[in-house]
Amino acid sequence: MVKSIRTLCGTCLRHFVDAKAFKIALVPSPDRSMDTCTVCQMRRGYDYVVMHH
């Protein structure tokens, strides 16, 4: 299973969830700051572990 950590905004997160080809988990972190989304590079989001099924 290939794992990657990506910062996803709500919109891009929804695309991954709707694709149903990925398992997604929020990265456990005491720092809940939002960073720039690694997919769209426009909105801000949180870090998630993205795994292919």
PDB file of N, CA and C in Angstrom:
ATOM      1  N   MET A   1       0.849  -1.183   0.000  1.00  0.00           N
ATOM      2  CA  MET A   1       0.000   0.000   0.000  1.00  0.00           C
ATOM      3  C   MET A   1       0.893   1.244   0.000  1.00  0.00           C
ATOM      4  N   VAL A   2       0.680   2.109  -0.965  1.00  0.00           N
ATOM      5  CA  VAL A   2       1.459   3.336  -1.077  1.00  0.00           C
ATOM      6  C   VAL A   2       0.833   4.408  -0.196  1.00  0.00           C
ATOM      7  N   LYS A   3       1.658   5.016   0.676  1.00  0.00           N
ATOM      8  CA  LYS A   3       1.177   6.072   1.568  1.00  0.00           C
ATOM      9  C   LYS A   3       1.850   7.385   1.193  1.00  0.00           C
ATOM     10  N   SER A   4       1.108   8.460   1.296  1.00  0.00           N
ATOM     11  CA  SER A   4       1.701   9.782   1.157  1.00  0.00           C
ATOM     12  C   SER A   4       0.972  10.729   2.098  1.00  0.00           C
ATOM     13  N   ILE A   5       1.671  11.753   2.523  1.00  0.00           N
ATOM     14  CA  ILE A   5       1.045  12.776   3.359  1.00  0.00           C
ATOM     15  C   ILE A   5       0.825  13.991   2.485  1.00  0.00           C
ATOM     16  N   ARG A   6      -0.417  14.429   2.447  1.00  0.00           N
ATOM     17  CA  ARG A   6      -0.784  15.595   1.637  1.00  0.00           C
ATOM     18  C   ARG A   6      -1.602  16.554   2.480  1.00  0.00           C
ATOM     19  N   THR A   7      -1.428  17.826   2.186  1.00  0.00           N
ATOM     20  CA  THR A   7      -2.281  18.843   2.795  1.00  0.00           C
ATOM     21  C   THR A   7      -3.461  19.027   1.854  1.00  0.00           C
ATOM     22  N   LEU A   8      -4.679  18.805   2.375  1.00  0.00           N
ATOM     23  CA  LEU A   8      -5.871  18.876   1.537  1.00  0.00           C
ATOM     24  C   LEU A   8      -6.883  19.863   2.099  1.00  0.00           C
ATOM     25  N   CYS A   9      -7.403  20.721   1.211  1.00  0.00           N
ATOM     26  CA  CYS A   9      -8.510  21.596   1.581  1.00  0.00           C
ATOM     27  C   CYS A   9      -9.788  20.747   1.532  1.00  0.00           C
ATOM     28  N   GLY A  10     -10.877  21.270   1.982  1.00  0.00           N
ATOM     29  CA  GLY A  10     -12.136  20.534   1.997  1.00  0.00           C
ATOM     30  C   GLY A  10     -12.584  20.077   0.621  1.00  0.00           C
ATOM     31  N   THR A  11     -12.396  20.911  -0.393  1.00  0.00           N
ATOM     32  CA  THR A  11     -12.814  20.573  -1.755  1.00  0.00           C
ATOM     33  C   THR A  11     -11.990  19.420  -2.318  1.00  0.00           C
ATOM     34  N   CYS A  12     -10.681  19.497  -2.198  1.00  0.00           N
ATOM     35  CA  CYS A  12      -9.814  18.435  -2.723  1.00  0.00           C
ATOM     36  C   CYS A  12      -9.968  17.156  -1.906  1.00  0.00           C
ATOM     37  N   LEU A  13     -10.176  17.277  -0.606  1.00  0.00           N
ATOM     38  CA  LEU A  13     -10.431  16.113   0.245  1.00  0.00           C
ATOM     39  C   LEU A  13     -11.669  15.378  -0.255  1.00  0.00           C
ATOM     40  N   ARG A  14     -12.715  16.119  -0.587  1.00  0.00           N
ATOM     41  CA  ARG A  14     -13.952  15.530  -1.083  1.00  0.00           C
ATOM     42  C   ARG A  14     -13.719  14.739  -2.373  1.00  0.00           C
ATOM     43  N   HIS A  15     -12.850  15.245  -3.252  1.00  0.00           N
ATOM     44  CA  HIS A  15     -12.539  14.534  -4.498  1.00  0.00           C
ATOM     45  C   HIS A  15     -11.898  13.175  -4.204  1.00  0.00           C
ATOM     46  N   PHE A  16     -10.984  13.137  -3.236  1.00  0.00           N
ATOM     47  CA  PHE A  16     -10.350  11.873  -2.860  1.00  0.00           C
ATOM     48  C   PHE A  16     -11.364  10.918  -2.248  1.00  0.00           C
ATOM     49  N   VAL A  17     -12.241  11.429  -1.387  1.00  0.00           N
ATOM     50  CA  VAL A  17     -13.251  10.590  -0.743  1.00  0.00           C
ATOM     51  C   VAL A  17     -14.233  10.053  -1.782  1.00  0.00           C
ATOM     52  N   ASP A  18     -14.682  10.907  -2.701  1.00  0.00           N
ATOM     53  CA  ASP A  18     -15.639  10.492  -3.729  1.00  0.00           C
ATOM     54  C   ASP A  18     -15.053   9.471  -4.700  1.00  0.00           C
ATOM     55  N   ALA A  19     -13.746   9.499  -4.903  1.00  0.00           N
ATOM     56  CA  ALA A  19     -13.101   8.555  -5.821  1.00  0.00           C
ATOM     57  C   ALA A  19     -13.159   7.121  -5.288  1.00  0.00           C
ATOM     58  N   LYS A  20     -13.287   6.970  -3.978  1.00  0.00           N
ATOM     59  CA  LYS A  20     -13.387   5.657  -3.324  1.00  0.00           C
ATOM     60  C   LYS A  20     -12.207   4.738  -3.631  1.00  0.00           C
ATOM     61  N   ALA A  21     -11.117   5.275  -4.119  1.00  0.00           N
ATOM     62  CA  ALA A  21      -9.921   4.481  -4.397  1.00  0.00           C
ATOM     63  C   ALA A  21      -8.848   4.723  -3.345  1.00  0.00           C
ATOM     64  N   PHE A  22      -9.171   5.561  -2.355  1.00  0.00           N
ATOM     65  CA  PHE A  22      -8.186   5.949  -1.361  1.00  0.00           C
ATOM     66  C   PHE A  22      -8.736   5.775   0.048  1.00  0.00           C
ATOM     67  N   LYS A  23      -7.831   5.468   0.970  1.00  0.00           N
ATOM     68  CA  LYS A  23      -8.164   5.500   2.391  1.00  0.00           C
ATOM     69  C   LYS A  23      -7.473   6.742   2.929  1.00  0.00           C
ATOM     70  N   ILE A  24      -8.198   7.557   3.673  1.00  0.00           N
ATOM     71  CA  ILE A  24      -7.677   8.848   4.123  1.00  0.00           C
ATOM     72  C   ILE A  24      -7.805   8.949   5.631  1.00  0.00           C
ATOM     73  N   ALA A  25      -6.738   9.410   6.281  1.00  0.00           N
ATOM     74  CA  ALA A  25      -6.751   9.602   7.730  1.00  0.00           C
ATOM     75  C   ALA A  25      -6.064  10.920   8.060  1.00  0.00           C
ATOM     76  N   LEU A  26      -6.637  11.649   8.988  1.00  0.00           N
ATOM     77  CA  LEU A  26      -6.048  12.908   9.450  1.00  0.00           C
ATOM     78  C   LEU A  26      -4.757  12.601  10.189  1.00  0.00           C
ATOM     79  N   VAL A  27      -3.700  13.336   9.893  1.00  0.00           N
ATOM     80  CA  VAL A  27      -2.423  13.144  10.583  1.00  0.00           C
ATOM     81  C   VAL A  27      -2.585  13.638  12.016  1.00  0.00           C
ATOM     82  N   PRO A  28      -2.320  12.763  12.998  1.00  0.00           N
ATOM     83  CA  PRO A  28      -2.449  13.206  14.390  1.00  0.00           C
ATOM     84  C   PRO A  28      -1.339  14.207  14.710  1.00  0.00           C
ATOM     85  N   SER A  29      -1.739  15.385  15.096  1.00  0.00           N
ATOM     86  CA  SER A  29      -0.762  16.434  15.393  1.00  0.00           C
ATOM     87  C   SER A  29      -1.365  17.420  16.381  1.00  0.00           C
ATOM     88  N   PRO A  30      -0.580  17.841  17.365  1.00  0.00           N
ATOM     89  CA  PRO A  30      -1.079  18.857  18.287  1.00  0.00           C
ATOM     90  C   PRO A  30      -1.207  20.219  17.595  1.00  0.00           C
ATOM     91  N   ASP A  31      -0.477  20.401  16.502  1.00  0.00           N
ATOM     92  CA  ASP A  31      -0.511  21.652  15.752  1.00  0.00           C
ATOM     93  C   ASP A  31      -1.626  21.565  14.717  1.00  0.00           C
ATOM     94  N   ARG A  32      -2.723  22.249  14.916  1.00  0.00           N
ATOM     95  CA  ARG A  32      -3.877  22.202  14.006  1.00  0.00           C
ATOM     96  C   ARG A  32      -3.873  23.380  13.047  1.00  0.00           C
ATOM     97  N   SER A  33      -2.694  23.850  12.669  1.00  0.00           N
ATOM     98  CA  SER A  33      -2.646  24.979  11.745  1.00  0.00           C
ATOM     99  C   SER A  33      -2.939  24.503  10.326  1.00  0.00           C
ATOM    100  N   MET A  34      -3.485  25.384   9.526  1.00  0.00           N
ATOM    101  CA  MET A  34      -3.826  25.060   8.143  1.00  0.00           C
ATOM    102  C   MET A  34      -2.703  25.546   7.227  1.00  0.00           C
ATOM    103  N   ASP A  35      -2.383  24.715   6.225  1.00  0.00           N
ATOM    104  CA  ASP A  35      -1.363  25.057   5.241  1.00  0.00           C
ATOM    105  C   ASP A  35      -1.994  25.063   3.854  1.00  0.00           C
ATOM    106  N   THR A  36      -1.233  25.489   2.856  1.00  0.00           N
ATOM    107  CA  THR A  36      -1.727  25.523   1.484  1.00  0.00           C
ATOM    108  C   THR A  36      -1.918  24.101   0.962  1.00  0.00           C
ATOM    109  N   CYS A  37      -3.038  23.872   0.320  1.00  0.00           N
ATOM    110  CA  CYS A  37      -3.387  22.563  -0.243  1.00  0.00           C
ATOM    111  C   CYS A  37      -2.349  22.144  -1.280  1.00  0.00           C
ATOM    112  N   THR A  38      -1.854  20.895  -1.181  1.00  0.00           N
ATOM    113  CA  THR A  38      -0.841  20.418  -2.130  1.00  0.00           C
ATOM    114  C   THR A  38      -1.440  20.043  -3.483  1.00  0.00           C
ATOM    115  N   VAL A  39      -2.765  19.956  -3.576  1.00  0.00           N
ATOM    116  CA  VAL A  39      -3.404  19.585  -4.842  1.00  0.00           C
ATOM    117  C   VAL A  39      -3.754  20.832  -5.650  1.00  0.00           C
ATOM    118  N   CYS A  40      -4.556  21.725  -5.092  1.00  0.00           N
ATOM    119  CA  CYS A  40      -5.009  22.899  -5.853  1.00  0.00           C
ATOM    120  C   CYS A  40      -4.093  24.117  -5.695  1.00  0.00           C
ATOM    121  N   GLN A  41      -3.282  24.133  -4.646  1.00  0.00           N
ATOM    122  CA  GLN A  41      -2.361  25.241  -4.371  1.00  0.00           C
ATOM    123  C   GLN A  41      -3.075  26.581  -4.147  1.00  0.00           C
ATOM    124  N   MET A  42      -4.380  26.538  -3.835  1.00  0.00           N
ATOM    125  CA  MET A  42      -5.130  27.787  -3.666  1.00  0.00           C
ATOM    126  C   MET A  42      -5.717  27.924  -2.274  1.00  0.00           C
ATOM    127  N   ARG A  43      -6.401  26.873  -1.817  1.00  0.00           N
ATOM    128  CA  ARG A  43      -7.086  26.935  -0.528  1.00  0.00           C
ATOM    129  C   ARG A  43      -6.192  26.342   0.563  1.00  0.00           C
ATOM    130  N   ARG A  44      -6.653  26.496   1.799  1.00  0.00           N
ATOM    131  CA  ARG A  44      -5.875  25.997   2.931  1.00  0.00           C
ATOM    132  C   ARG A  44      -6.560  24.770   3.525  1.00  0.00           C
ATOM    133  N   GLY A  45      -5.750  23.853   4.068  1.00  0.00           N
ATOM    134  CA  GLY A  45      -6.315  22.640   4.636  1.00  0.00           C
ATOM    135  C   GLY A  45      -5.387  21.994   5.643  1.00  0.00           C
ATOM    136  N   TYR A  46      -5.733  20.780   6.036  1.00  0.00           N
ATOM    137  CA  TYR A  46      -4.997  20.022   7.047  1.00  0.00           C
ATOM    138  C   TYR A  46      -4.219  18.889   6.393  1.00  0.00           C
ATOM    139  N   ASP A  47      -3.291  18.307   7.158  1.00  0.00           N
ATOM    140  CA  ASP A  47      -2.479  17.194   6.666  1.00  0.00           C
ATOM    141  C   ASP A  47      -3.226  15.879   6.814  1.00  0.00           C
ATOM    142  N   TYR A  48      -3.218  15.083   5.756  1.00  0.00           N
ATOM    143  CA  TYR A  48      -3.867  13.764   5.743  1.00  0.00           C
ATOM    144  C   TYR A  48      -2.901  12.728   5.202  1.00  0.00           C
ATOM    145  N   VAL A  49      -3.012  11.504   5.719  1.00  0.00           N
ATOM    146  CA  VAL A  49      -2.305  10.359   5.136  1.00  0.00           C
ATOM    147  C   VAL A  49      -3.251   9.804   4.076  1.00  0.00           C
ATOM    148  N   VAL A  50      -2.761   9.726   2.845  1.00  0.00           N
ATOM    149  CA  VAL A  50      -3.570   9.222   1.728  1.00  0.00           C
ATOM    150  C   VAL A  50      -2.970   7.894   1.288  1.00  0.00           C
ATOM    151  N   MET A  51      -3.786   6.829   1.276  1.00  0.00           N
ATOM    152  CA  MET A  51      -3.321   5.494   0.898  1.00  0.00           C
ATOM    153  C   MET A  51      -4.198   4.943  -0.218  1.00  0.00           C
ATOM    154  N   HIS A  52      -3.577   4.330  -1.219  1.00  0.00           N
ATOM    155  CA  HIS A  52      -4.335   3.634  -2.255  1.00  0.00           C
ATOM    156  C   HIS A  52      -4.891   2.355  -1.659  1.00  0.00           C
ATOM    157  N   HIS A  53      -6.113   1.984  -2.030  1.00  0.00           N
ATOM    158  CA  HIS A  53      -6.701   0.710  -1.566  1.00  0.00           C
ATOM    159  C   HIS A  53      -6.002  -0.438  -2.230  1.00  0.00           C
TER     160      HIS A  53
END
